[in-house]
Amino acid sequence: MTTLDVDRLRRETPGTTRVNHLNNAGAGLMPDPVYRTVVEHLELESQIGGYEAADKRRDEIAAVYRSVGRLIGADARNIA
């Protein structure tokens, strides 16, 4: 089992300084690294198009699916 650095996770999630957000089933507070990645991808989409941006990031996206699959014990192709 991996040990989480809770202090670091809180630093990376600015919303935790303002609220105790317990509604995580649908949408939890977004950590800064996730926010920056999403914004960067949206900027790329606005420049070259959504499908083209996904194609350009294909290897990174596939790596996420493999990582999630390993985490939950599933094949990457079964991750939605």
PDB file of N, CA and C in Angstrom:
ATOM      1  N   MET A   1       0.839  -1.180   0.000  1.00  0.00           N
ATOM      2  CA  MET A   1       0.000   0.000   0.000  1.00  0.00           C
ATOM      3  C   MET A   1       0.886   1.246   0.000  1.00  0.00           C
ATOM      4  N   THR A   2       0.500   2.227  -0.733  1.00  0.00           N
ATOM      5  CA  THR A   2       1.238   3.479  -0.833  1.00  0.00           C
ATOM      6  C   THR A   2       0.863   4.400   0.325  1.00  0.00           C
ATOM      7  N   THR A   3       1.861   5.059   0.901  1.00  0.00           N
ATOM      8  CA  THR A   3       1.609   6.046   1.941  1.00  0.00           C
ATOM      9  C   THR A   3       1.386   7.395   1.274  1.00  0.00           C
ATOM     10  N   LEU A   4       0.298   8.048   1.621  1.00  0.00           N
ATOM     11  CA  LEU A   4      -0.022   9.344   1.040  1.00  0.00           C
ATOM     12  C   LEU A   4       0.568  10.461   1.891  1.00  0.00           C
ATOM     13  N   ASP A   5       1.096  11.468   1.229  1.00  0.00           N
ATOM     14  CA  ASP A   5       1.596  12.662   1.905  1.00  0.00           C
ATOM     15  C   ASP A   5       0.424  13.638   1.996  1.00  0.00           C
ATOM     16  N   VAL A   6      -0.343  13.530   3.069  1.00  0.00           N
ATOM     17  CA  VAL A   6      -1.570  14.311   3.217  1.00  0.00           C
ATOM     18  C   VAL A   6      -1.277  15.804   3.204  1.00  0.00           C
ATOM     19  N   ASP A   7      -0.210  16.228   3.847  1.00  0.00           N
ATOM     20  CA  ASP A   7       0.128  17.657   3.847  1.00  0.00           C
ATOM     21  C   ASP A   7       0.365  18.158   2.428  1.00  0.00           C
ATOM     22  N   ARG A   8       1.094  17.393   1.629  1.00  0.00           N
ATOM     23  CA  ARG A   8       1.339  17.791   0.240  1.00  0.00           C
ATOM     24  C   ARG A   8       0.035  17.819  -0.550  1.00  0.00           C
ATOM     25  N   LEU A   9      -0.799  16.813  -0.366  1.00  0.00           N
ATOM     26  CA  LEU A   9      -2.076  16.775  -1.074  1.00  0.00           C
ATOM     27  C   LEU A   9      -2.932  17.987  -0.723  1.00  0.00           C
ATOM     28  N   ARG A  10      -2.918  18.386   0.529  1.00  0.00           N
ATOM     29  CA  ARG A  10      -3.682  19.583   0.928  1.00  0.00           C
ATOM     30  C   ARG A  10      -3.088  20.846   0.313  1.00  0.00           C
ATOM     31  N   ARG A  11      -1.760  20.933   0.280  1.00  0.00           N
ATOM     32  CA  ARG A  11      -1.118  22.109  -0.346  1.00  0.00           C
ATOM     33  C   ARG A  11      -1.472  22.195  -1.821  1.00  0.00           C
ATOM     34  N   GLU A  12      -1.571  21.044  -2.482  1.00  0.00           N
ATOM     35  CA  GLU A  12      -1.863  21.011  -3.917  1.00  0.00           C
ATOM     36  C   GLU A  12      -3.347  21.206  -4.216  1.00  0.00           C
ATOM     37  N   THR A  13      -4.178  21.246  -3.193  1.00  0.00           N
ATOM     38  CA  THR A  13      -5.621  21.380  -3.383  1.00  0.00           C
ATOM     39  C   THR A  13      -6.093  22.615  -2.625  1.00  0.00           C
ATOM     40  N   PRO A  14      -6.030  23.792  -3.269  1.00  0.00           N
ATOM     41  CA  PRO A  14      -6.294  25.048  -2.579  1.00  0.00           C
ATOM     42  C   PRO A  14      -7.671  25.128  -1.929  1.00  0.00           C
ATOM     43  N   GLY A  15      -8.649  24.455  -2.486  1.00  0.00           N
ATOM     44  CA  GLY A  15      -9.992  24.509  -1.919  1.00  0.00           C
ATOM     45  C   GLY A  15     -10.065  24.011  -0.493  1.00  0.00           C
ATOM     46  N   THR A  16      -9.101  23.183  -0.083  1.00  0.00           N
ATOM     47  CA  THR A  16      -9.136  22.651   1.285  1.00  0.00           C
ATOM     48  C   THR A  16      -8.871  23.725   2.331  1.00  0.00           C
ATOM     49  N   THR A  17      -8.376  24.885   1.918  1.00  0.00           N
ATOM     50  CA  THR A  17      -8.161  25.968   2.883  1.00  0.00           C
ATOM     51  C   THR A  17      -9.452  26.725   3.167  1.00  0.00           C
ATOM     52  N   ARG A  18     -10.481  26.516   2.313  1.00  0.00           N
ATOM     53  CA  ARG A  18     -11.726  27.258   2.450  1.00  0.00           C
ATOM     54  C   ARG A  18     -12.908  26.408   2.893  1.00  0.00           C
ATOM     55  N   VAL A  19     -12.913  25.139   2.522  1.00  0.00           N
ATOM     56  CA  VAL A  19     -14.080  24.301   2.814  1.00  0.00           C
ATOM     57  C   VAL A  19     -13.652  22.889   3.200  1.00  0.00           C
ATOM     58  N   ASN A  20     -14.546  22.215   3.907  1.00  0.00           N
ATOM     59  CA  ASN A  20     -14.438  20.772   4.111  1.00  0.00           C
ATOM     60  C   ASN A  20     -15.383  20.163   3.090  1.00  0.00           C
ATOM     61  N   HIS A  21     -14.854  19.770   1.968  1.00  0.00           N
ATOM     62  CA  HIS A  21     -15.656  19.295   0.843  1.00  0.00           C
ATOM     63  C   HIS A  21     -15.798  17.787   0.939  1.00  0.00           C
ATOM     64  N   LEU A  22     -16.998  17.332   1.290  1.00  0.00           N
ATOM     65  CA  LEU A  22     -17.222  15.908   1.500  1.00  0.00           C
ATOM     66  C   LEU A  22     -18.017  15.267   0.369  1.00  0.00           C
ATOM     67  N   ASN A  23     -18.406  16.026  -0.642  1.00  0.00           N
ATOM     68  CA  ASN A  23     -19.181  15.501  -1.764  1.00  0.00           C
ATOM     69  C   ASN A  23     -18.230  15.032  -2.856  1.00  0.00           C
ATOM     70  N   ASN A  24     -17.455  13.995  -2.579  1.00  0.00           N
ATOM     71  CA  ASN A  24     -16.435  13.545  -3.514  1.00  0.00           C
ATOM     72  C   ASN A  24     -16.907  12.471  -4.472  1.00  0.00           C
ATOM     73  N   ALA A  25     -18.113  11.962  -4.290  1.00  0.00           N
ATOM     74  CA  ALA A  25     -18.585  10.901  -5.181  1.00  0.00           C
ATOM     75  C   ALA A  25     -18.731  11.408  -6.610  1.00  0.00           C
ATOM     76  N   GLY A  26     -19.199  12.626  -6.770  1.00  0.00           N
ATOM     77  CA  GLY A  26     -19.420  13.159  -8.109  1.00  0.00           C
ATOM     78  C   GLY A  26     -18.301  14.038  -8.607  1.00  0.00           C
ATOM     79  N   ALA A  27     -17.775  14.871  -7.724  1.00  0.00           N
ATOM     80  CA  ALA A  27     -16.725  15.797  -8.142  1.00  0.00           C
ATOM     81  C   ALA A  27     -16.016  16.342  -6.914  1.00  0.00           C
ATOM     82  N   GLY A  28     -14.815  15.862  -6.673  1.00  0.00           N
ATOM     83  CA  GLY A  28     -14.021  16.350  -5.551  1.00  0.00           C
ATOM     84  C   GLY A  28     -13.281  17.621  -5.923  1.00  0.00           C
ATOM     85  N   LEU A  29     -12.650  18.215  -4.922  1.00  0.00           N
ATOM     86  CA  LEU A  29     -11.824  19.393  -5.179  1.00  0.00           C
ATOM     87  C   LEU A  29     -10.640  18.989  -6.051  1.00  0.00           C
ATOM     88  N   MET A  30     -10.341  19.815  -7.029  1.00  0.00           N
ATOM     89  CA  MET A  30      -9.294  19.488  -7.986  1.00  0.00           C
ATOM     90  C   MET A  30      -7.931  19.985  -7.503  1.00  0.00           C
ATOM     91  N   PRO A  31      -6.947  19.087  -7.400  1.00  0.00           N
ATOM     92  CA  PRO A  31      -5.590  19.519  -7.050  1.00  0.00           C
ATOM     93  C   PRO A  31      -4.975  20.347  -8.180  1.00  0.00           C
ATOM     94  N   ASP A  32      -4.063  21.239  -7.822  1.00  0.00           N
ATOM     95  CA  ASP A  32      -3.409  22.098  -8.818  1.00  0.00           C
ATOM     96  C   ASP A  32      -2.785  21.333  -9.985  1.00  0.00           C
ATOM     97  N   PRO A  33      -2.062  20.219  -9.752  1.00  0.00           N
ATOM     98  CA  PRO A  33      -1.479  19.517 -10.906  1.00  0.00           C
ATOM     99  C   PRO A  33      -2.542  19.033 -11.898  1.00  0.00           C
ATOM    100  N   VAL A  34      -3.681  18.609 -11.383  1.00  0.00           N
ATOM    101  CA  VAL A  34      -4.776  18.168 -12.263  1.00  0.00           C
ATOM    102  C   VAL A  34      -5.353  19.369 -13.000  1.00  0.00           C
ATOM    103  N   TYR A  35      -5.606  20.454 -12.273  1.00  0.00           N
ATOM    104  CA  TYR A  35      -6.146  21.672 -12.874  1.00  0.00           C
ATOM    105  C   TYR A  35      -5.254  22.165 -14.012  1.00  0.00           C
ATOM    106  N   ARG A  36      -3.951  22.235 -13.746  1.00  0.00           N
ATOM    107  CA  ARG A  36      -3.018  22.724 -14.779  1.00  0.00           C
ATOM    108  C   ARG A  36      -3.022  21.812 -16.003  1.00  0.00           C
ATOM    109  N   THR A  37      -3.068  20.506 -15.783  1.00  0.00           N
ATOM    110  CA  THR A  37      -3.073  19.562 -16.904  1.00  0.00           C
ATOM    111  C   THR A  37      -4.332  19.727 -17.742  1.00  0.00           C
ATOM    112  N   VAL A  38      -5.480  19.879 -17.084  1.00  0.00           N
ATOM    113  CA  VAL A  38      -6.744  20.066 -17.805  1.00  0.00           C
ATOM    114  C   VAL A  38      -6.709  21.363 -18.607  1.00  0.00           C
ATOM    115  N   VAL A  39      -6.259  22.450 -17.990  1.00  0.00           N
ATOM    116  CA  VAL A  39      -6.194  23.742 -18.680  1.00  0.00           C
ATOM    117  C   VAL A  39      -5.241  23.667 -19.873  1.00  0.00           C
ATOM    118  N   GLU A  40      -4.082  23.046 -19.682  1.00  0.00           N
ATOM    119  CA  GLU A  40      -3.131  22.905 -20.792  1.00  0.00           C
ATOM    120  C   GLU A  40      -3.756  22.128 -21.947  1.00  0.00           C
ATOM    121  N   HIS A  41      -4.497  21.074 -21.612  1.00  0.00           N
ATOM    122  CA  HIS A  41      -5.110  20.283 -22.680  1.00  0.00           C
ATOM    123  C   HIS A  41      -6.206  21.084 -23.387  1.00  0.00           C
ATOM    124  N   LEU A  42      -7.005  21.828 -22.632  1.00  0.00           N
ATOM    125  CA  LEU A  42      -8.037  22.658 -23.256  1.00  0.00           C
ATOM    126  C   LEU A  42      -7.419  23.722 -24.162  1.00  0.00           C
ATOM    127  N   GLU A  43      -6.299  24.293 -23.734  1.00  0.00           N
ATOM    128  CA  GLU A  43      -5.610  25.266 -24.586  1.00  0.00           C
ATOM    129  C   GLU A  43      -5.127  24.603 -25.869  1.00  0.00           C
ATOM    130  N   LEU A  44      -4.603  23.393 -25.754  1.00  0.00           N
ATOM    131  CA  LEU A  44      -4.165  22.660 -26.940  1.00  0.00           C
ATOM    132  C   LEU A  44      -5.349  22.378 -27.858  1.00  0.00           C
ATOM    133  N   GLU A  45      -6.479  21.957 -27.272  1.00  0.00           N
ATOM    134  CA  GLU A  45      -7.677  21.709 -28.077  1.00  0.00           C
ATOM    135  C   GLU A  45      -8.117  22.964 -28.819  1.00  0.00           C
ATOM    136  N   SER A  46      -8.027  24.115 -28.159  1.00  0.00           N
ATOM    137  CA  SER A  46      -8.467  25.356 -28.804  1.00  0.00           C
ATOM    138  C   SER A  46      -7.561  25.743 -29.966  1.00  0.00           C
ATOM    139  N   GLN A  47      -6.333  25.229 -29.963  1.00  0.00           N
ATOM    140  CA  GLN A  47      -5.382  25.562 -31.018  1.00  0.00           C
ATOM    141  C   GLN A  47      -5.409  24.579 -32.175  1.00  0.00           C
ATOM    142  N   ILE A  48      -5.597  23.281 -31.872  1.00  0.00           N
ATOM    143  CA  ILE A  48      -5.492  22.289 -32.953  1.00  0.00           C
ATOM    144  C   ILE A  48      -6.718  21.392 -33.092  1.00  0.00           C
ATOM    145  N   GLY A  49      -7.694  21.514 -32.175  1.00  0.00           N
ATOM    146  CA  GLY A  49      -8.897  20.690 -32.237  1.00  0.00           C
ATOM    147  C   GLY A  49      -8.858  19.562 -31.216  1.00  0.00           C
ATOM    148  N   GLY A  50     -10.039  19.136 -30.796  1.00  0.00           N
ATOM    149  CA  GLY A  50     -10.156  18.133 -29.750  1.00  0.00           C
ATOM    150  C   GLY A  50      -9.592  16.774 -30.115  1.00  0.00           C
ATOM    151  N   TYR A  51      -9.973  16.260 -31.296  1.00  0.00           N
ATOM    152  CA  TYR A  51      -9.481  14.942 -31.704  1.00  0.00           C
ATOM    153  C   TYR A  51      -7.970  14.968 -31.924  1.00  0.00           C
ATOM    154  N   GLU A  52      -7.503  16.057 -32.503  1.00  0.00           N
ATOM    155  CA  GLU A  52      -6.069  16.181 -32.767  1.00  0.00           C
ATOM    156  C   GLU A  52      -5.277  16.279 -31.460  1.00  0.00           C
ATOM    157  N   ALA A  53      -5.835  16.993 -30.483  1.00  0.00           N
ATOM    158  CA  ALA A  53      -5.165  17.106 -29.185  1.00  0.00           C
ATOM    159  C   ALA A  53      -5.107  15.744 -28.497  1.00  0.00           C
ATOM    160  N   ALA A  54      -6.206  15.003 -28.555  1.00  0.00           N
ATOM    161  CA  ALA A  54      -6.220  13.657 -27.963  1.00  0.00           C
ATOM    162  C   ALA A  54      -5.208  12.762 -28.664  1.00  0.00           C
ATOM    163  N   ASP A  55      -5.118  12.889 -29.983  1.00  0.00           N
ATOM    164  CA  ASP A  55      -4.154  12.082 -30.727  1.00  0.00           C
ATOM    165  C   ASP A  55      -2.719  12.453 -30.339  1.00  0.00           C
ATOM    166  N   LYS A  56      -2.484  13.739 -30.175  1.00  0.00           N
ATOM    167  CA  LYS A  56      -1.141  14.201 -29.802  1.00  0.00           C
ATOM    168  C   LYS A  56      -0.749  13.696 -28.410  1.00  0.00           C
ATOM    169  N   ARG A  57      -1.713  13.559 -27.527  1.00  0.00           N
ATOM    170  CA  ARG A  57      -1.472  13.104 -26.151  1.00  0.00           C
ATOM    171  C   ARG A  57      -1.811  11.622 -25.964  1.00  0.00           C
ATOM    172  N   ARG A  58      -1.955  10.905 -27.054  1.00  0.00           N
ATOM    173  CA  ARG A  58      -2.378   9.498 -27.031  1.00  0.00           C
ATOM    174  C   ARG A  58      -1.568   8.649 -26.053  1.00  0.00           C
ATOM    175  N   ASP A  59      -0.241   8.755 -26.086  1.00  0.00           N
ATOM    176  CA  ASP A  59       0.599   7.930 -25.215  1.00  0.00           C
ATOM    177  C   ASP A  59       0.376   8.257 -23.737  1.00  0.00           C
ATOM    178  N   GLU A  60       0.246   9.549 -23.429  1.00  0.00           N
ATOM    179  CA  GLU A  60       0.007   9.951 -22.040  1.00  0.00           C
ATOM    180  C   GLU A  60      -1.358   9.467 -21.561  1.00  0.00           C
ATOM    181  N   ILE A  61      -2.358   9.584 -22.417  1.00  0.00           N
ATOM    182  CA  ILE A  61      -3.708   9.135 -22.063  1.00  0.00           C
ATOM    183  C   ILE A  61      -3.724   7.624 -21.858  1.00  0.00           C
ATOM    184  N   ALA A  62      -3.077   6.888 -22.726  1.00  0.00           N
ATOM    185  CA  ALA A  62      -3.014   5.428 -22.592  1.00  0.00           C
ATOM    186  C   ALA A  62      -2.311   5.038 -21.297  1.00  0.00           C
ATOM    187  N   ALA A  63      -1.286   5.786 -20.923  1.00  0.00           N
ATOM    188  CA  ALA A  63      -0.564   5.495 -19.679  1.00  0.00           C
ATOM    189  C   ALA A  63      -1.467   5.670 -18.463  1.00  0.00           C
ATOM    190  N   VAL A  64      -2.354   6.654 -18.516  1.00  0.00           N
ATOM    191  CA  VAL A  64      -3.299   6.855 -17.412  1.00  0.00           C
ATOM    192  C   VAL A  64      -4.225   5.651 -17.298  1.00  0.00           C
ATOM    193  N   TYR A  65      -4.743   5.178 -18.417  1.00  0.00           N
ATOM    194  CA  TYR A  65      -5.634   4.015 -18.387  1.00  0.00           C
ATOM    195  C   TYR A  65      -4.910   2.784 -17.849  1.00  0.00           C
ATOM    196  N   ARG A  66      -3.659   2.590 -18.245  1.00  0.00           N
ATOM    197  CA  ARG A  66      -2.886   1.453 -17.726  1.00  0.00           C
ATOM    198  C   ARG A  66      -2.670   1.590 -16.219  1.00  0.00           C
ATOM    199  N   SER A  67      -2.361   2.793 -15.779  1.00  0.00           N
ATOM    200  CA  SER A  67      -2.120   3.044 -14.362  1.00  0.00           C
ATOM    201  C   SER A  67      -3.380   2.794 -13.528  1.00  0.00           C
ATOM    202  N   VAL A  68      -4.508   3.289 -14.000  1.00  0.00           N
ATOM    203  CA  VAL A  68      -5.770   3.055 -13.291  1.00  0.00           C
ATOM    204  C   VAL A  68      -6.092   1.568 -13.282  1.00  0.00           C
ATOM    205  N   GLY A  69      -5.855   0.903 -14.393  1.00  0.00           N
ATOM    206  CA  GLY A  69      -6.082  -0.536 -14.461  1.00  0.00           C
ATOM    207  C   GLY A  69      -5.260  -1.289 -13.434  1.00  0.00           C
ATOM    208  N   ARG A  70      -3.987  -0.935 -13.312  1.00  0.00           N
ATOM    209  CA  ARG A  70      -3.131  -1.577 -12.303  1.00  0.00           C
ATOM    210  C   ARG A  70      -3.652  -1.301 -10.897  1.00  0.00           C
ATOM    211  N   LEU A  71      -4.096  -0.073 -10.673  1.00  0.00           N
ATOM    212  CA  LEU A  71      -4.574   0.323  -9.355  1.00  0.00           C
ATOM    213  C   LEU A  71      -5.783  -0.500  -8.918  1.00  0.00           C
ATOM    214  N   ILE A  72      -6.699  -0.753  -9.847  1.00  0.00           N
ATOM    215  CA  ILE A  72      -7.933  -1.456  -9.473  1.00  0.00           C
ATOM    216  C   ILE A  72      -7.951  -2.908  -9.927  1.00  0.00           C
ATOM    217  N   GLY A  73      -6.868  -3.381 -10.520  1.00  0.00           N
ATOM    218  CA  GLY A  73      -6.788  -4.776 -10.939  1.00  0.00           C
ATOM    219  C   GLY A  73      -7.633  -5.091 -12.156  1.00  0.00           C
ATOM    220  N   ALA A  74      -7.628  -4.187 -13.121  1.00  0.00           N
ATOM    221  CA  ALA A  74      -8.412  -4.378 -14.341  1.00  0.00           C
ATOM    222  C   ALA A  74      -7.541  -4.110 -15.555  1.00  0.00           C
ATOM    223  N   ASP A  75      -7.989  -4.595 -16.686  1.00  0.00           N
ATOM    224  CA  ASP A  75      -7.305  -4.313 -17.943  1.00  0.00           C
ATOM    225  C   ASP A  75      -7.630  -2.883 -18.365  1.00  0.00           C
ATOM    226  N   ALA A  76      -6.662  -2.186 -18.916  1.00  0.00           N
ATOM    227  CA  ALA A  76      -6.853  -0.792 -19.334  1.00  0.00           C
ATOM    228  C   ALA A  76      -8.036  -0.634 -20.278  1.00  0.00           C
ATOM    229  N   ARG A  77      -8.295  -1.622 -21.123  1.00  0.00           N
ATOM    230  CA  ARG A  77      -9.402  -1.501 -22.088  1.00  0.00           C
ATOM    231  C   ARG A  77     -10.770  -1.560 -21.409  1.00  0.00           C
ATOM    232  N   ASN A  78     -10.803  -1.957 -20.131  1.00  0.00           N
ATOM    233  CA  ASN A  78     -12.067  -2.021 -19.400  1.00  0.00           C
ATOM    234  C   ASN A  78     -12.327  -0.783 -18.548  1.00  0.00           C
ATOM    235  N   ILE A  79     -11.455   0.204 -18.654  1.00  0.00           N
ATOM    236  CA  ILE A  79     -11.614   1.450 -17.909  1.00  0.00           C
ATOM    237  C   ILE A  79     -12.385   2.432 -18.782  1.00  0.00           C
ATOM    238  N   ALA A  80     -13.455   2.989 -18.227  1.00  0.00           N
ATOM    239  CA  ALA A  80     -14.294   3.929 -18.997  1.00  0.00           C
ATOM    240  C   ALA A  80     -13.702   5.320 -18.970  1.00  0.00           C
TER     241      ALA A  80
END
